[in-house]
PDB file of all heavy atoms in Angstrom:
ATOM      1  N   ASN A   1       0.804  -1.217  -0.038  1.00  0.00           N
ATOM      2  CA  ASN A   1      -0.032   0.052   0.005  1.00  0.00           C
ATOM      3  C   ASN A   1       0.862   1.255  -0.017  1.00  0.00           C
ATOM      4  O   ASN A   1       1.615   1.473   0.858  1.00  0.00           O
ATOM      5  CB  ASN A   1      -0.883  -0.023   1.270  1.00  0.00           C
ATOM      6  CG  ASN A   1      -1.956   1.107   1.252  1.00  0.00           C
ATOM      7  OD1 ASN A   1      -1.740   2.136   0.566  1.00  0.00           O
ATOM      8  ND2 ASN A   1      -3.009   0.928   1.934  1.00  0.00           N
ATOM      9  N   TRP A   2       0.818   2.090  -1.018  1.00  0.00           N
ATOM     10  CA  TRP A   2       1.544   3.235  -1.111  1.00  0.00           C
ATOM     11  C   TRP A   2       1.348   4.267   0.040  1.00  0.00           C
ATOM     12  O   TRP A   2       2.287   5.035   0.421  1.00  0.00           O
ATOM     13  CB  TRP A   2       1.436   3.927  -2.538  1.00  0.00           C
ATOM     14  CG  TRP A   2       0.082   4.624  -2.692  1.00  0.00           C
ATOM     15  CD1 TRP A   2      -0.968   4.167  -3.321  1.00  0.00           C
ATOM     16  CD2 TRP A   2      -0.237   5.978  -2.344  1.00  0.00           C
ATOM     17  NE1 TRP A   2      -1.986   5.026  -3.271  1.00  0.00           N
ATOM     18  CE2 TRP A   2      -1.612   6.202  -2.757  1.00  0.00           C
ATOM     19  CE3 TRP A   2       0.468   7.023  -1.746  1.00  0.00           C
ATOM     20  CZ2 TRP A   2      -2.093   7.389  -2.635  1.00  0.00           C
ATOM     21  CZ3 TRP A   2      -0.087   8.240  -1.634  1.00  0.00           C
ATOM     22  CH2 TRP A   2      -1.449   8.432  -2.027  1.00  0.00           C
ATOM     23  N   LEU A   3       0.126   4.302   0.572  1.00  0.00           N
ATOM     24  CA  LEU A   3      -0.097   5.227   1.638  1.00  0.00           C
ATOM     25  C   LEU A   3       0.801   4.989   2.880  1.00  0.00           C
ATOM     26  O   LEU A   3       1.063   6.075   3.602  1.00  0.00           O
ATOM     27  CB  LEU A   3      -1.591   5.076   2.137  1.00  0.00           C
ATOM     28  CG  LEU A   3      -2.661   5.593   1.145  1.00  0.00           C
ATOM     29  CD1 LEU A   3      -4.002   5.171   1.506  1.00  0.00           C
ATOM     30  CD2 LEU A   3      -2.535   7.058   1.009  1.00  0.00           C
ATOM     31  N   THR A   4       1.245   3.815   3.106  1.00  0.00           N
ATOM     32  CA  THR A   4       2.091   3.624   4.237  1.00  0.00           C
ATOM     33  C   THR A   4       3.556   3.429   3.837  1.00  0.00           C
ATOM     34  O   THR A   4       4.442   3.473   4.680  1.00  0.00           O
ATOM     35  CB  THR A   4       1.760   2.304   5.014  1.00  0.00           C
ATOM     36  OG1 THR A   4       1.673   1.238   4.039  1.00  0.00           O
ATOM     37  CG2 THR A   4       0.410   2.531   5.618  1.00  0.00           C
ATOM     38  N   ASN A   5       3.830   3.267   2.572  1.00  0.00           N
ATOM     39  CA  ASN A   5       5.271   2.922   2.092  1.00  0.00           C
ATOM     40  C   ASN A   5       5.929   3.947   1.062  1.00  0.00           C
ATOM     41  O   ASN A   5       7.046   3.713   0.660  1.00  0.00           O
ATOM     42  CB  ASN A   5       5.212   1.628   1.511  1.00  0.00           C
ATOM     43  CG  ASN A   5       5.155   0.489   2.577  1.00  0.00           C
ATOM     44  OD1 ASN A   5       5.667   0.625   3.643  1.00  0.00           O
ATOM     45  ND2 ASN A   5       4.272  -0.482   2.396  1.00  0.00           N
ATOM     46  N   ALA A   6       5.229   5.045   0.730  1.00  0.00           N
ATOM     47  CA  ALA A   6       5.656   6.008  -0.205  1.00  0.00           C
ATOM     48  C   ALA A   6       5.005   7.300  -0.060  1.00  0.00           C
ATOM     49  O   ALA A   6       3.910   7.433   0.517  1.00  0.00           O
ATOM     50  CB  ALA A   6       5.592   5.345  -1.669  1.00  0.00           C
ATOM     51  N   ALA A   7       5.500   8.285  -0.690  1.00  0.00           N
ATOM     52  CA  ALA A   7       4.950   9.596  -0.689  1.00  0.00           C
ATOM     53  C   ALA A   7       3.722   9.683  -1.690  1.00  0.00           C
ATOM     54  O   ALA A   7       2.857  10.454  -1.574  1.00  0.00           O
ATOM     55  CB  ALA A   7       5.949  10.638  -1.088  1.00  0.00           C
ATOM     56  N   GLU A   8       3.795   8.819  -2.776  1.00  0.00           N
ATOM     57  CA  GLU A   8       2.700   8.786  -3.726  1.00  0.00           C
ATOM     58  C   GLU A   8       2.844   7.511  -4.517  1.00  0.00           C
ATOM     59  O   GLU A   8       3.852   6.732  -4.388  1.00  0.00           O
ATOM     60  CB  GLU A   8       2.854   9.941  -4.783  1.00  0.00           C
ATOM     61  CG  GLU A   8       4.142   9.951  -5.602  1.00  0.00           C
ATOM     62  CD  GLU A   8       4.161  11.112  -6.521  1.00  0.00           C
ATOM     63  OE1 GLU A   8       3.821  12.243  -6.247  1.00  0.00           O
ATOM     64  OE2 GLU A   8       4.728  10.900  -7.709  1.00  0.00           O
ATOM     65  N   PRO A   9       1.806   7.125  -5.248  1.00  0.00           N
ATOM     66  CA  PRO A   9       1.963   5.868  -6.054  1.00  0.00           C
ATOM     67  C   PRO A   9       3.051   6.043  -7.131  1.00  0.00           C
ATOM     68  O   PRO A   9       3.063   7.173  -7.755  1.00  0.00           O
ATOM     69  CB  PRO A   9       0.593   5.646  -6.681  1.00  0.00           C
ATOM     70  CG  PRO A   9      -0.258   6.782  -6.250  1.00  0.00           C
ATOM     71  CD  PRO A   9       0.558   7.776  -5.383  1.00  0.00           C
ATOM     72  N   ALA A  10       3.814   5.140  -7.554  1.00  0.00           N
ATOM     73  CA  ALA A  10       3.868   3.794  -7.092  1.00  0.00           C
ATOM     74  C   ALA A  10       5.008   3.610  -5.977  1.00  0.00           C
ATOM     75  O   ALA A  10       6.017   4.211  -6.029  1.00  0.00           O
ATOM     76  CB  ALA A  10       4.206   2.914  -8.281  1.00  0.00           C
ATOM     77  N   PRO A  11       4.652   2.719  -4.872  1.00  0.00           N
ATOM     78  CA  PRO A  11       5.713   2.534  -3.932  1.00  0.00           C
ATOM     79  C   PRO A  11       6.891   1.690  -4.442  1.00  0.00           C
ATOM     80  O   PRO A  11       6.734   0.926  -5.316  1.00  0.00           O
ATOM     81  CB  PRO A  11       4.895   1.812  -2.770  1.00  0.00           C
ATOM     82  CG  PRO A  11       3.837   0.994  -3.608  1.00  0.00           C
ATOM     83  CD  PRO A  11       3.519   1.899  -4.768  1.00  0.00           C
ATOM     84  N   GLY A  12       7.991   1.887  -3.774  1.00  0.00           N
ATOM     85  CA  GLY A  12       9.217   1.154  -4.083  1.00  0.00           C
ATOM     86  C   GLY A  12      10.429   1.845  -3.715  1.00  0.00           C
ATOM     87  O   GLY A  12      10.579   3.173  -3.941  1.00  0.00           O
ATOM     88  N   ALA A  13      11.398   1.212  -3.081  1.00  0.00           N
ATOM     89  CA  ALA A  13      12.650   1.841  -2.645  1.00  0.00           C
ATOM     90  C   ALA A  13      13.778   0.882  -2.815  1.00  0.00           C
ATOM     91  O   ALA A  13      13.573  -0.353  -2.616  1.00  0.00           O
ATOM     92  CB  ALA A  13      12.520   2.215  -1.134  1.00  0.00           C
ATOM     93  N   LEU A  14      14.911   1.343  -3.146  1.00  0.00           N
ATOM     94  CA  LEU A  14      16.031   0.427  -3.295  1.00  0.00           C
ATOM     95  C   LEU A  14      16.407  -0.282  -1.995  1.00  0.00           C
ATOM     96  O   LEU A  14      16.288   0.315  -0.904  1.00  0.00           O
ATOM     97  CB  LEU A  14      17.274   1.238  -3.797  1.00  0.00           C
ATOM     98  CG  LEU A  14      17.227   1.708  -5.287  1.00  0.00           C
ATOM     99  CD1 LEU A  14      18.453   2.544  -5.437  1.00  0.00           C
ATOM    100  CD2 LEU A  14      17.136   0.530  -6.284  1.00  0.00           C
ATOM    101  N   ASP A  15      16.965  -1.412  -2.220  1.00  0.00           N
ATOM    102  CA  ASP A  15      17.380  -2.239  -0.978  1.00  0.00           C
ATOM    103  C   ASP A  15      18.862  -1.737  -0.719  1.00  0.00           C
ATOM    104  O   ASP A  15      19.785  -2.127  -1.430  1.00  0.00           O
ATOM    105  CB  ASP A  15      17.382  -3.728  -1.215  1.00  0.00           C
ATOM    106  CG  ASP A  15      17.842  -4.516  -0.059  1.00  0.00           C
ATOM    107  OD1 ASP A  15      18.415  -3.983   0.943  1.00  0.00           O
ATOM    108  OD2 ASP A  15      17.879  -5.770  -0.178  1.00  0.00           O
ATOM    109  N   PRO A  16      19.144  -0.998   0.412  1.00  0.00           N
ATOM    110  CA  PRO A  16      20.481  -0.540   0.695  1.00  0.00           C
ATOM    111  C   PRO A  16      21.412  -1.436   1.299  1.00  0.00           C
ATOM    112  O   PRO A  16      22.597  -1.205   1.519  1.00  0.00           O
ATOM    113  CB  PRO A  16      20.144   0.771   1.605  1.00  0.00           C
ATOM    114  CG  PRO A  16      18.984   0.332   2.306  1.00  0.00           C
ATOM    115  CD  PRO A  16      18.175  -0.526   1.364  1.00  0.00           C
ATOM    116  N   THR A  17      20.897  -2.723   1.515  1.00  0.00           N
ATOM    117  CA  THR A  17      21.699  -3.796   2.180  1.00  0.00           C
ATOM    118  C   THR A  17      22.169  -4.706   1.164  1.00  0.00           C
ATOM    119  O   THR A  17      22.987  -5.657   1.420  1.00  0.00           O
ATOM    120  CB  THR A  17      20.903  -4.512   3.153  1.00  0.00           C
ATOM    121  OG1 THR A  17      19.820  -5.385   2.528  1.00  0.00           O
ATOM    122  CG2 THR A  17      20.201  -3.567   4.189  1.00  0.00           C
ATOM    123  N   ASN A  18      21.888  -4.513  -0.165  1.00  0.00           N
ATOM    124  CA  ASN A  18      22.206  -5.434  -1.206  1.00  0.00           C
ATOM    125  C   ASN A  18      23.447  -4.746  -1.939  1.00  0.00           C
ATOM    126  O   ASN A  18      23.319  -3.704  -2.437  1.00  0.00           O
ATOM    127  CB  ASN A  18      21.037  -5.657  -2.088  1.00  0.00           C
ATOM    128  CG  ASN A  18      21.307  -6.766  -3.104  1.00  0.00           C
ATOM    129  OD1 ASN A  18      22.444  -6.999  -3.554  1.00  0.00           O
ATOM    130  ND2 ASN A  18      20.221  -7.462  -3.537  1.00  0.00           N
ATOM    131  N   ASN A  19      24.563  -5.488  -1.991  1.00  0.00           N
ATOM    132  CA  ASN A  19      25.748  -5.038  -2.670  1.00  0.00           C
ATOM    133  C   ASN A  19      25.516  -4.729  -4.200  1.00  0.00           C
ATOM    134  O   ASN A  19      26.063  -3.857  -4.752  1.00  0.00           O
ATOM    135  CB  ASN A  19      26.873  -5.907  -2.521  1.00  0.00           C
ATOM    136  CG  ASN A  19      27.475  -5.905  -1.115  1.00  0.00           C
ATOM    137  OD1 ASN A  19      27.305  -4.944  -0.371  1.00  0.00           O
ATOM    138  ND2 ASN A  19      28.073  -7.049  -0.623  1.00  0.00           N
ATOM    139  N   HIS A  20      24.668  -5.471  -4.754  1.00  0.00           N
ATOM    140  CA  HIS A  20      24.233  -5.267  -6.213  1.00  0.00           C
ATOM    141  C   HIS A  20      23.653  -4.029  -6.415  1.00  0.00           C
ATOM    142  O   HIS A  20      23.694  -3.435  -7.591  1.00  0.00           O
ATOM    143  CB  HIS A  20      23.382  -6.484  -6.674  1.00  0.00           C
ATOM    144  CG  HIS A  20      24.088  -7.818  -6.656  1.00  0.00           C
ATOM    145  ND1 HIS A  20      25.192  -8.072  -7.467  1.00  0.00           N
ATOM    146  CD2 HIS A  20      23.775  -9.003  -5.897  1.00  0.00           C
ATOM    147  CE1 HIS A  20      25.650  -9.365  -7.268  1.00  0.00           C
ATOM    148  NE2 HIS A  20      24.807  -9.911  -6.336  1.00  0.00           N
ATOM    149  N   THR A  21      22.950  -3.447  -5.495  1.00  0.00           N
ATOM    150  CA  THR A  21      22.257  -2.090  -5.612  1.00  0.00           C
ATOM    151  C   THR A  21      23.405  -1.085  -5.897  1.00  0.00           C
ATOM    152  O   THR A  21      23.277  -0.342  -6.797  1.00  0.00           O
ATOM    153  CB  THR A  21      21.606  -1.753  -4.327  1.00  0.00           C
ATOM    154  OG1 THR A  21      20.483  -2.586  -4.055  1.00  0.00           O
ATOM    155  CG2 THR A  21      21.110  -0.310  -4.343  1.00  0.00           C
ATOM    156  N   TYR A  22      24.548  -1.153  -5.270  1.00  0.00           N
ATOM    157  CA  TYR A  22      25.567  -0.190  -5.394  1.00  0.00           C
ATOM    158  C   TYR A  22      26.298  -0.477  -6.697  1.00  0.00           C
ATOM    159  O   TYR A  22      26.808   0.560  -7.427  1.00  0.00           O
ATOM    160  CB  TYR A  22      26.468  -0.177  -4.224  1.00  0.00           C
ATOM    161  CG  TYR A  22      25.762   0.192  -2.991  1.00  0.00           C
ATOM    162  CD1 TYR A  22      25.443  -0.794  -2.082  1.00  0.00           C
ATOM    163  CD2 TYR A  22      25.426   1.514  -2.682  1.00  0.00           C
ATOM    164  CE1 TYR A  22      24.697  -0.487  -0.878  1.00  0.00           C
ATOM    165  CE2 TYR A  22      24.719   1.856  -1.486  1.00  0.00           C
ATOM    166  CZ  TYR A  22      24.349   0.861  -0.578  1.00  0.00           C
ATOM    167  OH  TYR A  22      23.602   1.164   0.502  1.00  0.00           O
ATOM    168  N   SER A  23      26.398  -1.662  -7.158  1.00  0.00           N
ATOM    169  CA  SER A  23      26.956  -1.941  -8.445  1.00  0.00           C
ATOM    170  C   SER A  23      26.117  -1.318  -9.652  1.00  0.00           C
ATOM    171  O   SER A  23      26.770  -0.734 -10.480  1.00  0.00           O
ATOM    172  CB  SER A  23      27.064  -3.442  -8.723  1.00  0.00           C
ATOM    173  OG  SER A  23      27.918  -4.126  -7.710  1.00  0.00           O
ATOM    174  N   LEU A  24      24.896  -1.432  -9.492  1.00  0.00           N
ATOM    175  CA  LEU A  24      24.061  -0.798 -10.426  1.00  0.00           C
ATOM    176  C   LEU A  24      24.135   0.743 -10.409  1.00  0.00           C
ATOM    177  O   LEU A  24      24.229   1.416 -11.462  1.00  0.00           O
ATOM    178  CB  LEU A  24      22.522  -1.124 -10.207  1.00  0.00           C
ATOM    179  CG  LEU A  24      21.453  -0.482 -11.114  1.00  0.00           C
ATOM    180  CD1 LEU A  24      21.708  -0.969 -12.559  1.00  0.00           C
ATOM    181  CD2 LEU A  24      19.993  -0.851 -10.679  1.00  0.00           C
ATOM    182  N   ILE A  25      24.197   1.283  -9.261  1.00  0.00           N
ATOM    183  CA  ILE A  25      24.282   2.747  -9.092  1.00  0.00           C
ATOM    184  C   ILE A  25      25.723   3.204  -9.680  1.00  0.00           C
ATOM    185  O   ILE A  25      25.758   4.268 -10.396  1.00  0.00           O
ATOM    186  CB  ILE A  25      24.180   3.207  -7.605  1.00  0.00           C
ATOM    187  CG1 ILE A  25      22.806   2.969  -7.085  1.00  0.00           C
ATOM    188  CG2 ILE A  25      24.557   4.637  -7.473  1.00  0.00           C
ATOM    189  CD1 ILE A  25      22.687   3.136  -5.618  1.00  0.00           C
ATOM    190  N   GLU A  26      26.750   2.428  -9.518  1.00  0.00           N
ATOM    191  CA  GLU A  26      27.989   2.849  -9.995  1.00  0.00           C
ATOM    192  C   GLU A  26      27.977   2.852 -11.499  1.00  0.00           C
ATOM    193  O   GLU A  26      28.553   3.820 -12.131  1.00  0.00           O
ATOM    194  CB  GLU A  26      29.117   1.708  -9.538  1.00  0.00           C
ATOM    195  CG  GLU A  26      29.460   1.927  -8.206  1.00  0.00           C
ATOM    196  CD  GLU A  26      30.448   0.782  -7.646  1.00  0.00           C
ATOM    197  OE1 GLU A  26      30.612  -0.154  -8.430  1.00  0.00           O
ATOM    198  OE2 GLU A  26      31.045   0.883  -6.557  1.00  0.00           O
ATOM    199  N   ASP A  27      27.323   1.954 -12.130  1.00  0.00           N
ATOM    200  CA  ASP A  27      27.220   1.983 -13.533  1.00  0.00           C
ATOM    201  C   ASP A  27      26.538   3.149 -14.097  1.00  0.00           C
ATOM    202  O   ASP A  27      26.768   3.700 -15.067  1.00  0.00           O
ATOM    203  CB  ASP A  27      26.478   0.560 -14.083  1.00  0.00           C
ATOM    204  CG  ASP A  27      27.421  -0.641 -13.926  1.00  0.00           C
ATOM    205  OD1 ASP A  27      28.622  -0.506 -13.772  1.00  0.00           O
ATOM    206  OD2 ASP A  27      26.911  -1.783 -14.083  1.00  0.00           O
ATOM    207  N   ILE A  28      25.320   3.394 -13.421  1.00  0.00           N
ATOM    208  CA  ILE A  28      24.467   4.571 -13.791  1.00  0.00           C
ATOM    209  C   ILE A  28      25.228   5.829 -13.690  1.00  0.00           C
ATOM    210  O   ILE A  28      25.279   6.661 -14.666  1.00  0.00           O
ATOM    211  CB  ILE A  28      23.191   4.642 -12.982  1.00  0.00           C
ATOM    212  CG1 ILE A  28      22.301   3.431 -13.329  1.00  0.00           C
ATOM    213  CG2 ILE A  28      22.400   5.910 -13.229  1.00  0.00           C
ATOM    214  CD1 ILE A  28      21.143   3.244 -12.301  1.00  0.00           C
ATOM    215  N   VAL A  29      25.970   6.088 -12.592  1.00  0.00           N
ATOM    216  CA  VAL A  29      26.625   7.334 -12.343  1.00  0.00           C
ATOM    217  C   VAL A  29      27.708   7.384 -13.331  1.00  0.00           C
ATOM    218  O   VAL A  29      28.026   8.562 -13.869  1.00  0.00           O
ATOM    219  CB  VAL A  29      27.088   7.390 -10.856  1.00  0.00           C
ATOM    220  CG1 VAL A  29      27.918   8.658 -10.685  1.00  0.00           C
ATOM    221  CG2 VAL A  29      25.960   7.491  -9.890  1.00  0.00           C
ATOM    222  N   GLU A  30      28.447   6.429 -13.516  1.00  0.00           N
ATOM    223  CA  GLU A  30      29.642   6.499 -14.482  1.00  0.00           C
ATOM    224  C   GLU A  30      29.187   6.774 -15.940  1.00  0.00           C
ATOM    225  O   GLU A  30      29.776   7.699 -16.540  1.00  0.00           O
ATOM    226  CB  GLU A  30      30.331   5.088 -14.502  1.00  0.00           C
ATOM    227  CG  GLU A  30      31.571   5.086 -15.415  1.00  0.00           C
ATOM    228  CD  GLU A  30      32.254   3.775 -15.441  1.00  0.00           C
ATOM    229  OE1 GLU A  30      31.725   2.699 -14.890  1.00  0.00           O
ATOM    230  OE2 GLU A  30      33.446   3.723 -15.894  1.00  0.00           O
ATOM    231  N   GLU A  31      28.020   6.241 -16.344  1.00  0.00           N
ATOM    232  CA  GLU A  31      27.600   6.541 -17.821  1.00  0.00           C
ATOM    233  C   GLU A  31      27.138   7.999 -17.793  1.00  0.00           C
ATOM    234  O   GLU A  31      27.439   8.651 -18.773  1.00  0.00           O
ATOM    235  CB  GLU A  31      26.571   5.515 -18.207  1.00  0.00           C
ATOM    236  CG  GLU A  31      26.262   5.802 -19.683  1.00  0.00           C
ATOM    237  CD  GLU A  31      25.428   4.636 -20.315  1.00  0.00           C
ATOM    238  OE1 GLU A  31      25.276   3.570 -19.646  1.00  0.00           O
ATOM    239  OE2 GLU A  31      25.021   4.749 -21.471  1.00  0.00           O
ATOM    240  N   LEU A  32      26.363   8.393 -16.873  1.00  0.00           N
ATOM    241  CA  LEU A  32      25.721   9.741 -16.891  1.00  0.00           C
ATOM    242  C   LEU A  32      26.887  10.802 -16.765  1.00  0.00           C
ATOM    243  O   LEU A  32      26.789  11.884 -17.302  1.00  0.00           O
ATOM    244  CB  LEU A  32      24.718   9.865 -15.876  1.00  0.00           C
ATOM    245  CG  LEU A  32      23.386   9.085 -16.033  1.00  0.00           C
ATOM    246  CD1 LEU A  32      22.486   9.425 -14.850  1.00  0.00           C
ATOM    247  CD2 LEU A  32      22.739   9.561 -17.351  1.00  0.00           C
ATOM    248  N   SER A  33      27.885  10.417 -15.957  1.00  0.00           N
ATOM    249  CA  SER A  33      28.955  11.353 -15.894  1.00  0.00           C
ATOM    250  C   SER A  33      29.693  11.606 -17.042  1.00  0.00           C
ATOM    251  O   SER A  33      30.329  12.673 -17.292  1.00  0.00           O
ATOM    252  CB  SER A  33      29.951  10.875 -14.724  1.00  0.00           C
ATOM    253  OG  SER A  33      29.390  10.885 -13.509  1.00  0.00           O
ATOM    254  N   GLU A  34      29.754  10.657 -17.945  1.00  0.00           N
ATOM    255  CA  GLU A  34      30.395  10.829 -19.287  1.00  0.00           C
ATOM    256  C   GLU A  34      29.494  11.612 -20.202  1.00  0.00           C
ATOM    257  O   GLU A  34      30.048  12.402 -21.060  1.00  0.00           O
ATOM    258  CB  GLU A  34      30.658   9.475 -19.842  1.00  0.00           C
ATOM    259  CG  GLU A  34      31.704   8.660 -19.108  1.00  0.00           C
ATOM    260  CD  GLU A  34      31.858   7.168 -19.623  1.00  0.00           C
ATOM    261  OE1 GLU A  34      31.018   6.770 -20.598  1.00  0.00           O
ATOM    262  OE2 GLU A  34      32.686   6.497 -19.166  1.00  0.00           O
ATOM    263  N   ILE A  35      28.180  11.529 -20.095  1.00  0.00           N
ATOM    264  CA  ILE A  35      27.281  12.203 -20.994  1.00  0.00           C
ATOM    265  C   ILE A  35      27.087  13.599 -20.611  1.00  0.00           C
ATOM    266  O   ILE A  35      27.018  14.475 -21.421  1.00  0.00           O
ATOM    267  CB  ILE A  35      25.906  11.472 -21.125  1.00  0.00           C
ATOM    268  CG1 ILE A  35      26.047  10.019 -21.534  1.00  0.00           C
ATOM    269  CG2 ILE A  35      24.779  12.273 -21.837  1.00  0.00           C
ATOM    270  CD1 ILE A  35      24.817   9.153 -21.312  1.00  0.00           C
ATOM    271  N   PHE A  36      26.973  13.947 -19.305  1.00  0.00           N
ATOM    272  CA  PHE A  36      26.679  15.181 -18.784  1.00  0.00           C
ATOM    273  C   PHE A  36      28.002  15.810 -18.210  1.00  0.00           C
ATOM    274  O   PHE A  36      28.478  15.250 -17.162  1.00  0.00           O
ATOM    275  CB  PHE A  36      25.669  15.219 -17.650  1.00  0.00           C
ATOM    276  CG  PHE A  36      24.254  14.756 -18.133  1.00  0.00           C
ATOM    277  CD1 PHE A  36      23.918  13.387 -18.234  1.00  0.00           C
ATOM    278  CD2 PHE A  36      23.359  15.715 -18.538  1.00  0.00           C
ATOM    279  CE1 PHE A  36      22.723  13.032 -18.627  1.00  0.00           C
ATOM    280  CE2 PHE A  36      22.132  15.404 -19.078  1.00  0.00           C
ATOM    281  CZ  PHE A  36      21.747  14.074 -19.085  1.00  0.00           C
ATOM    282  N   PRO A  37      28.517  16.787 -18.842  1.00  0.00           N
ATOM    283  CA  PRO A  37      29.898  17.306 -18.440  1.00  0.00           C
ATOM    284  C   PRO A  37      29.862  18.171 -17.152  1.00  0.00           C
ATOM    285  O   PRO A  37      30.960  18.525 -16.586  1.00  0.00           O
ATOM    286  CB  PRO A  37      30.391  18.146 -19.659  1.00  0.00           C
ATOM    287  CG  PRO A  37      29.052  18.601 -20.311  1.00  0.00           C
ATOM    288  CD  PRO A  37      28.101  17.489 -19.970  1.00  0.00           C
TER     289      PRO A  37
END
């Protein structure tokens, strides 16, 4: 239920205890850093 788990629909938050979360973030930041100077 988004009313208890988010500010608005749709609910969902990254799992900060999963190392793969940070691997994905690293890839995203690295690619965007090359595109946006």
